[in-house]
């Protein structure tokens, strides 16, 4: 299982280019790119709530900003978002080995449509959107849903992501899930590593190698 944004797809430009002008229009304040970094990995709505709280704007302002962002995001996604190098090849290798490959993300289904138009979608067996479960990461709800619907909860699986919340979600899962850190575009590498992943990788292909090696080792143990 994989996180989506920041792990399989680089969607950072959608935030850096989309959030500041929306905040400026609605709140009249400047949102510098560096101010977005501490919010990375949280729900997109929290970005707008952060700036609304700063000026005492009502919840209705957050609703309006998020609605505008959602429209912008869906329209600009496949122009600005890019699949990271090695992802397509790595996913294909995992699937050829007979593994179910899917996404567990906090991104809600309302911003999921553009993914279906990407070549990446053909390499995925399932996607668990954020609004399909009660609690977002770092809660383990998405991972537990994915294992129940698409895997084997007793055997568990693997999960790779680019934030500490991804690692924590794997740790909190009721089923055995090994956590991997996606370092290739992590906004806070120190926090990600401090969360205690089982392994960390600079390239997606290396993650695929690790998973396949773990699977081979498990097969040998079971046959012994």
N, C-alpha and C. Protein backbone atom coordinates (compact mmCIF):
# COMPACT_ATOMS: atom_id res chain seq x y z
N UNK A 1 0.85 -1.19 0.00
CA UNK A 1 0.00 0.00 0.00
C UNK A 1 0.89 1.24 0.00
N UNK A 2 0.39 2.29 -0.63
CA UNK A 2 1.17 3.51 -0.78
C UNK A 2 0.32 4.74 -0.45
N UNK A 3 0.96 5.73 0.13
CA UNK A 3 0.38 7.06 0.16
C UNK A 3 0.37 7.57 -1.28
N UNK A 4 -0.38 8.64 -1.53
CA UNK A 4 -0.50 9.15 -2.90
C UNK A 4 0.34 10.41 -3.11
N UNK A 5 -0.09 11.51 -2.51
CA UNK A 5 0.58 12.80 -2.73
C UNK A 5 1.91 12.85 -1.97
N UNK A 6 2.96 13.19 -2.68
CA UNK A 6 4.28 13.24 -2.08
C UNK A 6 4.98 11.90 -2.06
N UNK A 7 4.28 10.84 -2.49
CA UNK A 7 4.85 9.51 -2.52
C UNK A 7 4.83 8.93 -3.93
N UNK A 8 3.65 8.88 -4.54
CA UNK A 8 3.54 8.45 -5.93
C UNK A 8 3.48 9.63 -6.88
N UNK A 9 2.80 10.70 -6.45
CA UNK A 9 2.59 11.87 -7.31
C UNK A 9 3.10 13.12 -6.60
N UNK A 10 3.82 13.96 -7.33
CA UNK A 10 4.24 15.26 -6.81
C UNK A 10 3.12 16.26 -7.10
N UNK A 11 2.40 16.63 -6.05
CA UNK A 11 1.30 17.60 -6.17
C UNK A 11 1.63 18.91 -5.45
N UNK A 12 2.89 19.12 -5.12
CA UNK A 12 3.26 20.28 -4.32
C UNK A 12 2.94 21.60 -5.02
N UNK A 13 3.09 21.65 -6.35
CA UNK A 13 2.82 22.92 -7.05
C UNK A 13 1.36 23.34 -6.91
N UNK A 14 0.47 22.37 -6.79
CA UNK A 14 -0.95 22.70 -6.63
C UNK A 14 -1.18 23.47 -5.34
N UNK A 15 -0.41 23.19 -4.32
CA UNK A 15 -0.53 23.91 -3.06
C UNK A 15 0.24 25.23 -3.09
N UNK A 16 1.49 25.17 -3.54
CA UNK A 16 2.30 26.39 -3.54
C UNK A 16 1.75 27.45 -4.48
N UNK A 17 1.13 27.02 -5.60
CA UNK A 17 0.58 27.99 -6.55
C UNK A 17 -0.91 28.24 -6.34
N UNK A 18 -1.59 27.34 -5.63
CA UNK A 18 -3.03 27.47 -5.47
C UNK A 18 -3.48 28.10 -4.18
N UNK A 19 -2.83 27.75 -3.06
CA UNK A 19 -3.29 28.25 -1.76
C UNK A 19 -3.08 29.75 -1.58
N UNK A 20 -1.87 30.30 -1.85
CA UNK A 20 -1.64 31.72 -1.55
C UNK A 20 -2.62 32.68 -2.23
N UNK A 21 -2.92 32.56 -3.54
CA UNK A 21 -3.85 33.53 -4.13
C UNK A 21 -5.27 33.39 -3.59
N UNK A 22 -5.69 32.20 -3.22
CA UNK A 22 -7.04 32.03 -2.65
C UNK A 22 -7.10 32.70 -1.28
N UNK A 23 -6.07 32.49 -0.47
CA UNK A 23 -6.02 33.14 0.84
C UNK A 23 -6.00 34.65 0.70
N UNK A 24 -5.24 35.15 -0.26
CA UNK A 24 -5.16 36.60 -0.47
C UNK A 24 -6.51 37.17 -0.88
N UNK A 25 -7.21 36.48 -1.77
CA UNK A 25 -8.50 36.99 -2.23
C UNK A 25 -9.54 37.01 -1.12
N UNK A 26 -9.57 35.99 -0.32
CA UNK A 26 -10.62 35.88 0.69
C UNK A 26 -10.28 36.58 2.00
N UNK A 27 -8.99 36.60 2.37
CA UNK A 27 -8.62 37.11 3.68
C UNK A 27 -7.78 38.37 3.62
N UNK A 28 -7.24 38.67 2.45
CA UNK A 28 -6.40 39.86 2.32
C UNK A 28 -5.06 39.74 3.01
N UNK A 29 -4.58 38.51 3.20
CA UNK A 29 -3.28 38.31 3.84
C UNK A 29 -2.38 37.50 2.91
N UNK A 30 -1.08 37.65 3.12
CA UNK A 30 -0.10 36.94 2.29
C UNK A 30 0.23 35.60 2.94
N UNK A 31 0.16 34.54 2.17
CA UNK A 31 0.55 33.21 2.63
C UNK A 31 1.83 32.82 1.91
N UNK A 32 2.95 33.01 2.57
CA UNK A 32 4.24 32.67 1.95
C UNK A 32 4.39 31.16 1.86
N UNK A 33 5.06 30.66 0.81
CA UNK A 33 5.24 29.21 0.67
C UNK A 33 5.82 28.55 1.90
N UNK A 34 6.78 29.22 2.58
CA UNK A 34 7.39 28.60 3.77
C UNK A 34 6.38 28.39 4.89
N UNK A 35 5.29 29.18 4.87
CA UNK A 35 4.26 29.02 5.90
C UNK A 35 3.39 27.80 5.66
N UNK A 36 3.45 27.23 4.47
CA UNK A 36 2.68 26.03 4.17
C UNK A 36 3.38 24.77 4.65
N UNK A 37 4.70 24.82 4.78
CA UNK A 37 5.46 23.61 5.08
C UNK A 37 5.06 22.95 6.40
N UNK A 38 4.85 23.71 7.50
CA UNK A 38 4.45 23.04 8.75
C UNK A 38 3.08 22.35 8.66
N UNK A 39 2.30 22.68 7.64
CA UNK A 39 0.97 22.09 7.49
C UNK A 39 0.98 20.87 6.59
N UNK A 40 2.17 20.54 6.05
CA UNK A 40 2.25 19.46 5.06
C UNK A 40 1.82 18.13 5.65
N UNK A 41 1.06 17.39 4.89
CA UNK A 41 0.58 16.09 5.34
C UNK A 41 -0.76 16.15 6.03
N UNK A 42 -1.27 17.36 6.30
CA UNK A 42 -2.57 17.51 6.91
C UNK A 42 -3.63 17.67 5.82
N UNK A 43 -4.90 17.60 6.21
CA UNK A 43 -5.97 17.79 5.25
C UNK A 43 -5.87 19.19 4.63
N UNK A 44 -6.20 19.31 3.35
CA UNK A 44 -6.07 20.59 2.65
C UNK A 44 -6.89 21.68 3.34
N UNK A 45 -8.01 21.31 3.90
CA UNK A 45 -8.86 22.29 4.58
C UNK A 45 -8.12 22.98 5.73
N UNK A 46 -7.19 22.26 6.36
CA UNK A 46 -6.45 22.83 7.48
C UNK A 46 -5.56 23.99 7.05
N UNK A 47 -5.12 23.97 5.79
CA UNK A 47 -4.31 25.09 5.30
C UNK A 47 -5.12 26.39 5.40
N UNK A 48 -6.36 26.32 4.97
CA UNK A 48 -7.20 27.53 4.97
C UNK A 48 -7.68 27.88 6.38
N UNK A 49 -7.91 26.88 7.21
CA UNK A 49 -8.30 27.14 8.59
C UNK A 49 -7.17 27.85 9.34
N UNK A 50 -5.93 27.49 9.02
CA UNK A 50 -4.78 28.11 9.67
C UNK A 50 -4.76 29.62 9.43
N UNK A 51 -4.94 30.03 8.19
CA UNK A 51 -4.89 31.46 7.87
C UNK A 51 -6.17 32.17 8.32
N UNK A 52 -7.30 31.48 8.29
CA UNK A 52 -8.54 32.08 8.78
C UNK A 52 -8.44 32.36 10.28
N UNK A 53 -7.85 31.44 11.03
CA UNK A 53 -7.68 31.64 12.47
C UNK A 53 -6.79 32.85 12.75
N UNK A 54 -5.81 33.06 11.90
CA UNK A 54 -4.88 34.18 12.12
C UNK A 54 -5.60 35.52 12.11
N UNK A 55 -6.61 35.66 11.26
CA UNK A 55 -7.31 36.95 11.16
C UNK A 55 -8.70 36.91 11.77
N UNK A 56 -9.04 35.79 12.41
CA UNK A 56 -10.35 35.69 13.04
C UNK A 56 -11.50 35.56 12.07
N UNK A 57 -11.25 34.99 10.90
CA UNK A 57 -12.32 34.82 9.91
C UNK A 57 -13.23 33.65 10.31
N UNK A 58 -14.50 33.71 9.95
CA UNK A 58 -15.45 32.66 10.35
C UNK A 58 -15.25 31.36 9.56
N UNK A 59 -15.90 30.31 10.02
CA UNK A 59 -15.83 29.01 9.37
C UNK A 59 -16.33 29.08 7.94
N UNK A 60 -17.28 29.99 7.69
CA UNK A 60 -17.81 30.13 6.33
C UNK A 60 -16.72 30.54 5.35
N UNK A 61 -15.73 31.30 5.82
CA UNK A 61 -14.62 31.71 4.96
C UNK A 61 -13.76 30.49 4.61
N UNK A 62 -13.57 29.61 5.57
CA UNK A 62 -12.82 28.38 5.31
C UNK A 62 -13.56 27.54 4.27
N UNK A 63 -14.88 27.43 4.43
CA UNK A 63 -15.69 26.68 3.46
C UNK A 63 -15.52 27.24 2.05
N UNK A 64 -15.57 28.56 1.94
CA UNK A 64 -15.48 29.20 0.62
C UNK A 64 -14.11 29.00 0.01
N UNK A 65 -13.06 29.13 0.81
CA UNK A 65 -11.70 28.95 0.29
C UNK A 65 -11.46 27.52 -0.14
N UNK A 66 -11.91 26.58 0.67
CA UNK A 66 -11.70 25.19 0.31
C UNK A 66 -12.48 24.81 -0.95
N UNK A 67 -13.69 25.31 -1.08
CA UNK A 67 -14.48 25.02 -2.28
C UNK A 67 -13.77 25.55 -3.53
N UNK A 68 -13.20 26.75 -3.43
CA UNK A 68 -12.47 27.31 -4.57
C UNK A 68 -11.22 26.50 -4.86
N UNK A 69 -10.54 26.08 -3.81
CA UNK A 69 -9.33 25.27 -3.98
C UNK A 69 -9.66 23.93 -4.64
N UNK A 70 -10.75 23.32 -4.24
CA UNK A 70 -11.12 22.03 -4.81
C UNK A 70 -11.36 22.14 -6.32
N UNK A 71 -12.04 23.23 -6.74
CA UNK A 71 -12.26 23.45 -8.17
C UNK A 71 -10.94 23.65 -8.90
N UNK A 72 -10.07 24.48 -8.32
CA UNK A 72 -8.76 24.74 -8.91
C UNK A 72 -7.95 23.46 -9.00
N UNK A 73 -7.94 22.69 -7.92
CA UNK A 73 -7.14 21.48 -7.83
C UNK A 73 -7.52 20.48 -8.92
N UNK A 74 -8.81 20.26 -9.08
CA UNK A 74 -9.27 19.30 -10.08
C UNK A 74 -8.97 19.78 -11.49
N UNK A 75 -9.08 21.08 -11.72
CA UNK A 75 -8.84 21.62 -13.05
C UNK A 75 -7.36 21.61 -13.42
N UNK A 76 -6.48 21.86 -12.44
CA UNK A 76 -5.06 22.00 -12.71
C UNK A 76 -4.26 20.74 -12.44
N UNK A 77 -4.86 19.74 -11.84
CA UNK A 77 -4.13 18.58 -11.35
C UNK A 77 -3.25 17.94 -12.42
N UNK A 78 -3.82 17.56 -13.54
CA UNK A 78 -3.05 16.80 -14.51
C UNK A 78 -2.15 17.66 -15.38
N UNK A 79 -2.18 18.97 -15.15
CA UNK A 79 -1.21 19.86 -15.78
C UNK A 79 -0.01 20.07 -14.87
N UNK A 80 -0.24 20.13 -13.55
CA UNK A 80 0.82 20.44 -12.62
C UNK A 80 1.38 19.24 -11.87
N UNK A 81 0.57 18.21 -11.68
CA UNK A 81 1.01 17.04 -10.91
C UNK A 81 1.83 16.11 -11.80
N UNK A 82 2.86 15.52 -11.22
CA UNK A 82 3.74 14.62 -11.96
C UNK A 82 3.98 13.35 -11.15
N UNK A 83 3.96 12.21 -11.83
CA UNK A 83 4.31 10.95 -11.20
C UNK A 83 5.82 10.91 -11.02
N UNK A 84 6.28 10.52 -9.84
CA UNK A 84 7.71 10.48 -9.57
C UNK A 84 8.40 9.42 -10.42
N UNK A 85 9.67 9.66 -10.71
CA UNK A 85 10.47 8.72 -11.49
C UNK A 85 10.49 7.35 -10.79
N UNK A 86 10.34 6.31 -11.57
CA UNK A 86 10.45 4.96 -11.06
C UNK A 86 9.18 4.38 -10.46
N UNK A 87 8.17 5.22 -10.29
CA UNK A 87 6.94 4.73 -9.64
C UNK A 87 6.21 3.74 -10.54
N UNK A 88 5.97 4.12 -11.79
CA UNK A 88 5.21 3.24 -12.68
C UNK A 88 5.90 1.89 -12.82
N UNK A 89 7.21 1.90 -13.00
CA UNK A 89 7.95 0.65 -13.16
C UNK A 89 7.91 -0.18 -11.88
N UNK A 90 8.06 0.49 -10.75
CA UNK A 90 8.04 -0.23 -9.47
C UNK A 90 6.69 -0.85 -9.18
N UNK A 91 5.62 -0.12 -9.44
CA UNK A 91 4.28 -0.67 -9.23
C UNK A 91 4.04 -1.87 -10.14
N UNK A 92 4.49 -1.77 -11.39
CA UNK A 92 4.31 -2.87 -12.33
C UNK A 92 5.04 -4.12 -11.85
N UNK A 93 6.23 -3.96 -11.32
CA UNK A 93 6.98 -5.11 -10.81
C UNK A 93 6.26 -5.77 -9.64
N UNK A 94 5.71 -4.96 -8.73
CA UNK A 94 5.00 -5.52 -7.58
C UNK A 94 3.75 -6.29 -8.03
N UNK A 95 3.06 -5.76 -9.01
CA UNK A 95 1.86 -6.44 -9.48
C UNK A 95 2.20 -7.72 -10.25
N UNK A 96 3.28 -7.69 -11.01
CA UNK A 96 3.71 -8.91 -11.71
C UNK A 96 4.06 -10.02 -10.73
N UNK A 97 4.47 -9.63 -9.53
CA UNK A 97 4.79 -10.62 -8.50
C UNK A 97 3.54 -11.14 -7.80
N UNK A 98 2.37 -10.66 -8.22
CA UNK A 98 1.12 -11.14 -7.67
C UNK A 98 0.62 -10.38 -6.47
N UNK A 99 1.22 -9.23 -6.17
CA UNK A 99 0.81 -8.44 -5.02
C UNK A 99 -0.30 -7.47 -5.41
N UNK A 100 -1.27 -7.29 -4.53
CA UNK A 100 -2.28 -6.25 -4.73
C UNK A 100 -1.64 -4.92 -4.37
N UNK A 101 -1.74 -3.97 -5.27
CA UNK A 101 -1.10 -2.67 -5.09
C UNK A 101 -2.18 -1.59 -5.06
N UNK A 102 -2.18 -0.81 -4.00
CA UNK A 102 -3.19 0.24 -3.91
C UNK A 102 -2.73 1.43 -3.11
N UNK A 103 -3.61 2.41 -3.02
CA UNK A 103 -3.34 3.68 -2.37
C UNK A 103 -4.24 3.85 -1.16
N UNK A 104 -3.67 4.37 -0.08
CA UNK A 104 -4.44 4.84 1.08
C UNK A 104 -4.03 6.28 1.30
N UNK A 105 -4.97 7.20 1.11
CA UNK A 105 -4.66 8.62 1.12
C UNK A 105 -5.67 9.40 1.94
N UNK A 106 -5.24 10.56 2.43
CA UNK A 106 -6.18 11.47 3.09
C UNK A 106 -6.94 12.30 2.06
N UNK A 107 -6.49 12.29 0.82
CA UNK A 107 -7.18 13.09 -0.20
C UNK A 107 -8.62 12.58 -0.36
N UNK A 108 -9.61 13.47 -0.30
CA UNK A 108 -11.00 13.02 -0.42
C UNK A 108 -11.36 12.68 -1.85
N UNK A 109 -12.42 11.92 -2.01
CA UNK A 109 -12.84 11.49 -3.35
C UNK A 109 -13.23 12.67 -4.23
N UNK A 110 -13.63 13.78 -3.63
CA UNK A 110 -13.99 14.96 -4.40
C UNK A 110 -12.82 15.55 -5.18
N UNK A 111 -11.60 15.21 -4.78
CA UNK A 111 -10.41 15.63 -5.53
C UNK A 111 -9.70 14.43 -6.13
N UNK A 112 -10.44 13.35 -6.31
CA UNK A 112 -9.83 12.13 -6.83
C UNK A 112 -10.02 11.91 -8.31
N UNK A 113 -10.97 12.61 -8.92
CA UNK A 113 -11.29 12.37 -10.31
C UNK A 113 -10.12 12.42 -11.26
N UNK A 114 -9.23 13.43 -11.16
CA UNK A 114 -8.12 13.50 -12.11
C UNK A 114 -7.19 12.29 -12.09
N UNK A 115 -7.10 11.61 -10.96
CA UNK A 115 -6.21 10.44 -10.89
C UNK A 115 -6.66 9.36 -11.87
N UNK A 116 -7.97 9.23 -12.04
CA UNK A 116 -8.49 8.22 -12.95
C UNK A 116 -8.07 8.44 -14.38
N UNK A 117 -7.72 9.68 -14.74
CA UNK A 117 -7.29 9.99 -16.10
C UNK A 117 -5.79 9.82 -16.30
N UNK A 118 -5.06 9.51 -15.24
CA UNK A 118 -3.61 9.35 -15.33
C UNK A 118 -3.27 7.90 -15.65
N UNK A 119 -2.17 7.70 -16.34
CA UNK A 119 -1.70 6.34 -16.62
C UNK A 119 -1.47 5.58 -15.32
N UNK A 120 -1.12 6.29 -14.25
CA UNK A 120 -0.88 5.66 -12.96
C UNK A 120 -2.05 4.81 -12.51
N UNK A 121 -3.27 5.24 -12.81
CA UNK A 121 -4.46 4.54 -12.32
C UNK A 121 -4.49 3.10 -12.79
N UNK A 122 -3.91 2.83 -13.95
CA UNK A 122 -3.92 1.47 -14.47
C UNK A 122 -2.97 0.54 -13.73
N UNK A 123 -2.11 1.12 -12.89
CA UNK A 123 -1.18 0.31 -12.10
C UNK A 123 -1.69 0.08 -10.68
N UNK A 124 -2.90 0.54 -10.39
CA UNK A 124 -3.44 0.43 -9.03
C UNK A 124 -4.63 -0.52 -9.00
N UNK A 125 -4.66 -1.37 -7.99
CA UNK A 125 -5.78 -2.28 -7.81
C UNK A 125 -6.91 -1.64 -7.00
N UNK A 126 -6.59 -0.66 -6.19
CA UNK A 126 -7.61 0.00 -5.37
C UNK A 126 -7.09 1.35 -4.87
N UNK A 127 -8.03 2.22 -4.49
CA UNK A 127 -7.71 3.48 -3.82
C UNK A 127 -8.69 3.64 -2.66
N UNK A 128 -8.17 3.90 -1.47
CA UNK A 128 -8.99 4.25 -0.32
C UNK A 128 -8.85 5.75 -0.11
N UNK A 129 -9.90 6.49 -0.47
CA UNK A 129 -9.89 7.95 -0.31
C UNK A 129 -10.13 8.32 1.15
N UNK A 130 -9.73 9.51 1.51
CA UNK A 130 -9.82 9.93 2.90
C UNK A 130 -11.23 9.94 3.46
N UNK A 131 -12.22 10.25 2.61
CA UNK A 131 -13.59 10.34 3.12
C UNK A 131 -14.31 8.99 3.08
N UNK A 132 -13.57 7.92 2.81
CA UNK A 132 -14.15 6.58 2.87
C UNK A 132 -14.05 5.98 4.27
N UNK A 133 -13.32 6.66 5.16
CA UNK A 133 -13.13 6.17 6.53
C UNK A 133 -13.43 7.29 7.52
N UNK A 134 -13.60 6.91 8.77
CA UNK A 134 -14.02 7.89 9.79
C UNK A 134 -12.90 8.85 10.17
N UNK A 135 -11.68 8.35 10.26
CA UNK A 135 -10.59 9.16 10.77
C UNK A 135 -9.43 9.19 9.77
N UNK A 136 -8.82 10.35 9.65
CA UNK A 136 -7.67 10.51 8.76
C UNK A 136 -6.40 10.07 9.47
N UNK A 137 -5.35 9.83 8.69
CA UNK A 137 -4.04 9.56 9.28
C UNK A 137 -3.64 10.73 10.18
N UNK A 138 -3.03 10.45 11.33
CA UNK A 138 -2.30 9.24 11.70
C UNK A 138 -3.15 8.07 12.24
N UNK A 139 -4.47 8.21 12.27
CA UNK A 139 -5.30 7.06 12.62
C UNK A 139 -5.13 5.98 11.54
N UNK A 140 -5.27 4.71 11.90
CA UNK A 140 -5.02 3.63 10.95
C UNK A 140 -6.23 3.21 10.14
N UNK A 141 -7.33 3.96 10.19
CA UNK A 141 -8.59 3.53 9.59
C UNK A 141 -8.45 3.16 8.12
N UNK A 142 -7.74 3.98 7.35
CA UNK A 142 -7.60 3.73 5.91
C UNK A 142 -6.86 2.44 5.63
N UNK A 143 -5.80 2.18 6.39
CA UNK A 143 -5.02 0.96 6.19
C UNK A 143 -5.85 -0.27 6.58
N UNK A 144 -6.58 -0.16 7.67
CA UNK A 144 -7.40 -1.30 8.09
C UNK A 144 -8.52 -1.56 7.09
N UNK A 145 -9.09 -0.50 6.53
CA UNK A 145 -10.12 -0.67 5.50
C UNK A 145 -9.53 -1.37 4.27
N UNK A 146 -8.35 -0.94 3.86
CA UNK A 146 -7.73 -1.53 2.67
C UNK A 146 -7.43 -3.01 2.87
N UNK A 147 -6.92 -3.37 4.03
CA UNK A 147 -6.59 -4.77 4.29
C UNK A 147 -7.85 -5.62 4.35
N UNK A 148 -8.91 -5.08 4.95
CA UNK A 148 -10.16 -5.84 5.05
C UNK A 148 -10.80 -6.05 3.68
N UNK A 149 -10.73 -5.02 2.84
CA UNK A 149 -11.43 -5.08 1.54
C UNK A 149 -10.58 -5.67 0.42
N UNK A 150 -9.27 -5.52 0.50
CA UNK A 150 -8.43 -5.87 -0.64
C UNK A 150 -7.24 -6.76 -0.29
N UNK A 151 -7.10 -7.14 0.96
CA UNK A 151 -5.93 -7.92 1.33
C UNK A 151 -6.25 -9.01 2.32
N UNK A 152 -5.28 -9.30 3.15
CA UNK A 152 -5.41 -10.33 4.18
C UNK A 152 -4.98 -9.69 5.50
N UNK A 153 -5.94 -9.31 6.37
CA UNK A 153 -5.56 -8.63 7.61
C UNK A 153 -4.57 -9.41 8.46
N UNK A 154 -4.67 -10.73 8.46
CA UNK A 154 -3.75 -11.52 9.29
C UNK A 154 -2.32 -11.44 8.78
N UNK A 155 -2.15 -11.42 7.46
CA UNK A 155 -0.80 -11.32 6.89
C UNK A 155 -0.31 -9.88 6.91
N UNK A 156 -1.25 -8.92 6.85
CA UNK A 156 -0.86 -7.52 6.85
C UNK A 156 -0.27 -7.09 5.53
N UNK A 157 0.69 -6.20 5.58
CA UNK A 157 1.29 -5.71 4.34
C UNK A 157 2.34 -4.66 4.59
N UNK A 158 2.54 -3.81 3.59
CA UNK A 158 3.55 -2.77 3.63
C UNK A 158 2.87 -1.44 3.31
N UNK A 159 3.41 -0.36 3.88
CA UNK A 159 2.86 0.97 3.58
C UNK A 159 4.00 1.97 3.51
N UNK A 160 4.04 2.74 2.43
CA UNK A 160 5.08 3.74 2.27
C UNK A 160 4.44 5.12 2.13
N UNK A 161 5.04 6.09 2.82
CA UNK A 161 4.53 7.45 2.75
C UNK A 161 5.61 8.46 3.06
N UNK A 162 5.30 9.73 2.83
CA UNK A 162 6.31 10.79 2.92
C UNK A 162 6.20 11.66 4.17
N UNK A 163 5.28 11.32 5.09
CA UNK A 163 5.15 12.10 6.32
C UNK A 163 5.14 11.19 7.53
N UNK A 164 5.40 11.79 8.69
CA UNK A 164 5.36 11.03 9.94
C UNK A 164 3.99 10.42 10.18
N UNK A 165 2.93 11.09 9.73
CA UNK A 165 1.58 10.54 9.91
C UNK A 165 1.42 9.19 9.22
N UNK A 166 2.10 9.00 8.09
CA UNK A 166 2.02 7.73 7.37
C UNK A 166 2.64 6.60 8.19
N UNK A 167 3.79 6.88 8.77
CA UNK A 167 4.47 5.87 9.59
C UNK A 167 3.64 5.57 10.84
N UNK A 168 3.11 6.61 11.46
CA UNK A 168 2.32 6.42 12.67
C UNK A 168 1.06 5.61 12.39
N UNK A 169 0.43 5.85 11.26
CA UNK A 169 -0.78 5.08 10.89
C UNK A 169 -0.45 3.60 10.79
N UNK A 170 0.69 3.27 10.17
CA UNK A 170 1.09 1.87 10.07
C UNK A 170 1.37 1.28 11.44
N UNK A 171 2.00 2.04 12.31
CA UNK A 171 2.32 1.57 13.65
C UNK A 171 1.04 1.30 14.46
N UNK A 172 0.02 2.12 14.25
CA UNK A 172 -1.21 2.00 15.03
C UNK A 172 -2.17 0.96 14.48
N UNK A 173 -1.88 0.43 13.31
CA UNK A 173 -2.78 -0.53 12.68
C UNK A 173 -2.90 -1.79 13.54
N UNK A 174 -4.09 -2.34 13.62
CA UNK A 174 -4.32 -3.56 14.39
C UNK A 174 -3.69 -4.77 13.71
N UNK A 175 -3.32 -4.64 12.48
CA UNK A 175 -2.76 -5.74 11.70
C UNK A 175 -1.29 -5.45 11.41
N UNK A 176 -0.49 -6.47 11.10
CA UNK A 176 0.94 -6.24 10.87
C UNK A 176 1.21 -5.49 9.57
N UNK A 177 1.60 -4.25 9.70
CA UNK A 177 1.93 -3.41 8.54
C UNK A 177 3.33 -2.85 8.75
N UNK A 178 4.22 -3.13 7.83
CA UNK A 178 5.58 -2.60 7.90
C UNK A 178 5.60 -1.23 7.23
N UNK A 179 6.18 -0.27 7.92
CA UNK A 179 6.18 1.12 7.46
C UNK A 179 7.48 1.47 6.76
N UNK A 180 7.36 2.14 5.62
CA UNK A 180 8.53 2.60 4.87
C UNK A 180 8.42 4.11 4.65
N UNK A 181 9.55 4.77 4.71
CA UNK A 181 9.62 6.22 4.51
C UNK A 181 10.02 6.54 3.08
N UNK A 182 9.21 7.37 2.41
CA UNK A 182 9.51 7.85 1.06
C UNK A 182 10.28 9.16 1.20
N UNK A 183 11.58 9.10 1.02
CA UNK A 183 12.42 10.27 1.27
C UNK A 183 12.59 11.17 0.05
N UNK A 184 12.20 10.70 -1.15
CA UNK A 184 12.59 11.40 -2.37
C UNK A 184 12.01 12.80 -2.48
N UNK A 185 10.92 13.11 -1.81
CA UNK A 185 10.39 14.48 -1.86
C UNK A 185 9.76 14.87 -0.52
N UNK A 186 10.23 14.26 0.56
CA UNK A 186 9.67 14.53 1.88
C UNK A 186 9.96 15.96 2.30
N UNK A 187 8.94 16.66 2.78
CA UNK A 187 9.09 18.05 3.21
C UNK A 187 9.78 18.15 4.57
N UNK A 188 9.65 17.11 5.42
CA UNK A 188 10.29 17.10 6.73
C UNK A 188 10.90 15.73 6.94
N UNK A 189 12.09 15.54 6.40
CA UNK A 189 12.76 14.24 6.48
C UNK A 189 13.06 13.86 7.92
N UNK A 190 13.44 14.84 8.75
CA UNK A 190 13.80 14.54 10.13
C UNK A 190 12.60 13.96 10.88
N UNK A 191 11.43 14.59 10.75
CA UNK A 191 10.24 14.10 11.44
C UNK A 191 9.82 12.74 10.89
N UNK A 192 9.96 12.55 9.60
CA UNK A 192 9.59 11.28 8.98
C UNK A 192 10.46 10.15 9.53
N UNK A 193 11.76 10.37 9.62
CA UNK A 193 12.66 9.34 10.13
C UNK A 193 12.49 9.15 11.64
N UNK A 194 12.20 10.23 12.34
CA UNK A 194 12.01 10.13 13.79
C UNK A 194 10.77 9.32 14.15
N UNK A 195 9.83 9.19 13.22
CA UNK A 195 8.62 8.41 13.48
C UNK A 195 8.91 6.92 13.54
N UNK A 196 10.09 6.50 13.12
CA UNK A 196 10.50 5.11 13.26
C UNK A 196 10.05 4.16 12.19
N UNK A 197 10.24 4.48 10.91
CA UNK A 197 9.87 3.52 9.86
C UNK A 197 10.75 2.28 9.92
N UNK A 198 10.25 1.19 9.37
CA UNK A 198 11.04 -0.04 9.30
C UNK A 198 12.18 0.09 8.30
N UNK A 199 11.98 0.94 7.30
CA UNK A 199 13.01 1.17 6.28
C UNK A 199 12.75 2.53 5.64
N UNK A 200 13.76 3.07 5.01
CA UNK A 200 13.64 4.38 4.34
C UNK A 200 14.34 4.30 3.00
N UNK A 201 13.75 4.97 2.00
CA UNK A 201 14.25 4.83 0.64
C UNK A 201 14.30 6.18 -0.07
N UNK A 202 15.33 6.34 -0.91
CA UNK A 202 15.48 7.54 -1.72
C UNK A 202 14.81 7.38 -3.08
N UNK A 203 14.47 6.16 -3.46
CA UNK A 203 13.83 5.89 -4.76
C UNK A 203 12.72 4.86 -4.58
N UNK A 204 11.65 5.01 -5.35
CA UNK A 204 10.55 4.06 -5.24
C UNK A 204 10.99 2.66 -5.65
N UNK A 205 11.86 2.57 -6.64
CA UNK A 205 12.33 1.27 -7.07
C UNK A 205 13.01 0.49 -5.96
N UNK A 206 13.71 1.20 -5.07
CA UNK A 206 14.35 0.52 -3.95
C UNK A 206 13.30 -0.01 -2.97
N UNK A 207 12.22 0.73 -2.79
CA UNK A 207 11.11 0.23 -1.97
C UNK A 207 10.55 -1.05 -2.56
N UNK A 208 10.33 -1.06 -3.88
CA UNK A 208 9.80 -2.27 -4.53
C UNK A 208 10.75 -3.44 -4.33
N UNK A 209 12.07 -3.21 -4.45
CA UNK A 209 13.04 -4.27 -4.20
C UNK A 209 12.89 -4.83 -2.79
N UNK A 210 12.73 -3.93 -1.83
CA UNK A 210 12.61 -4.34 -0.42
C UNK A 210 11.37 -5.20 -0.20
N UNK A 211 10.24 -4.75 -0.74
CA UNK A 211 9.00 -5.51 -0.57
C UNK A 211 9.14 -6.90 -1.20
N UNK A 212 9.68 -6.95 -2.40
CA UNK A 212 9.83 -8.24 -3.08
C UNK A 212 10.80 -9.14 -2.32
N UNK A 213 11.83 -8.56 -1.74
CA UNK A 213 12.77 -9.35 -0.94
C UNK A 213 12.12 -9.90 0.31
N UNK A 214 11.28 -9.08 0.95
CA UNK A 214 10.56 -9.55 2.13
C UNK A 214 9.61 -10.68 1.78
N UNK A 215 8.94 -10.55 0.63
CA UNK A 215 8.01 -11.60 0.18
C UNK A 215 8.76 -12.90 -0.09
N UNK A 216 9.92 -12.80 -0.74
CA UNK A 216 10.71 -13.98 -1.03
C UNK A 216 11.17 -14.66 0.27
N UNK A 217 11.57 -13.86 1.25
CA UNK A 217 12.02 -14.41 2.52
C UNK A 217 10.88 -15.12 3.24
N UNK A 218 9.68 -14.53 3.19
CA UNK A 218 8.53 -15.15 3.82
C UNK A 218 8.17 -16.49 3.16
N UNK A 219 8.31 -16.53 1.83
CA UNK A 219 8.04 -17.77 1.11
C UNK A 219 9.00 -18.88 1.52
N UNK A 220 10.27 -18.51 1.65
CA UNK A 220 11.27 -19.49 2.06
C UNK A 220 10.98 -20.01 3.46
N UNK A 221 10.60 -19.09 4.37
CA UNK A 221 10.29 -19.51 5.74
C UNK A 221 9.09 -20.46 5.76
N UNK A 222 8.06 -20.13 4.95
CA UNK A 222 6.86 -20.95 4.94
C UNK A 222 7.10 -22.33 4.35
N UNK A 223 8.08 -22.42 3.43
CA UNK A 223 8.35 -23.70 2.78
C UNK A 223 9.34 -24.56 3.57
N UNK A 224 9.99 -23.91 4.53
CA UNK A 224 11.02 -24.63 5.30
C UNK A 224 10.39 -25.67 6.25
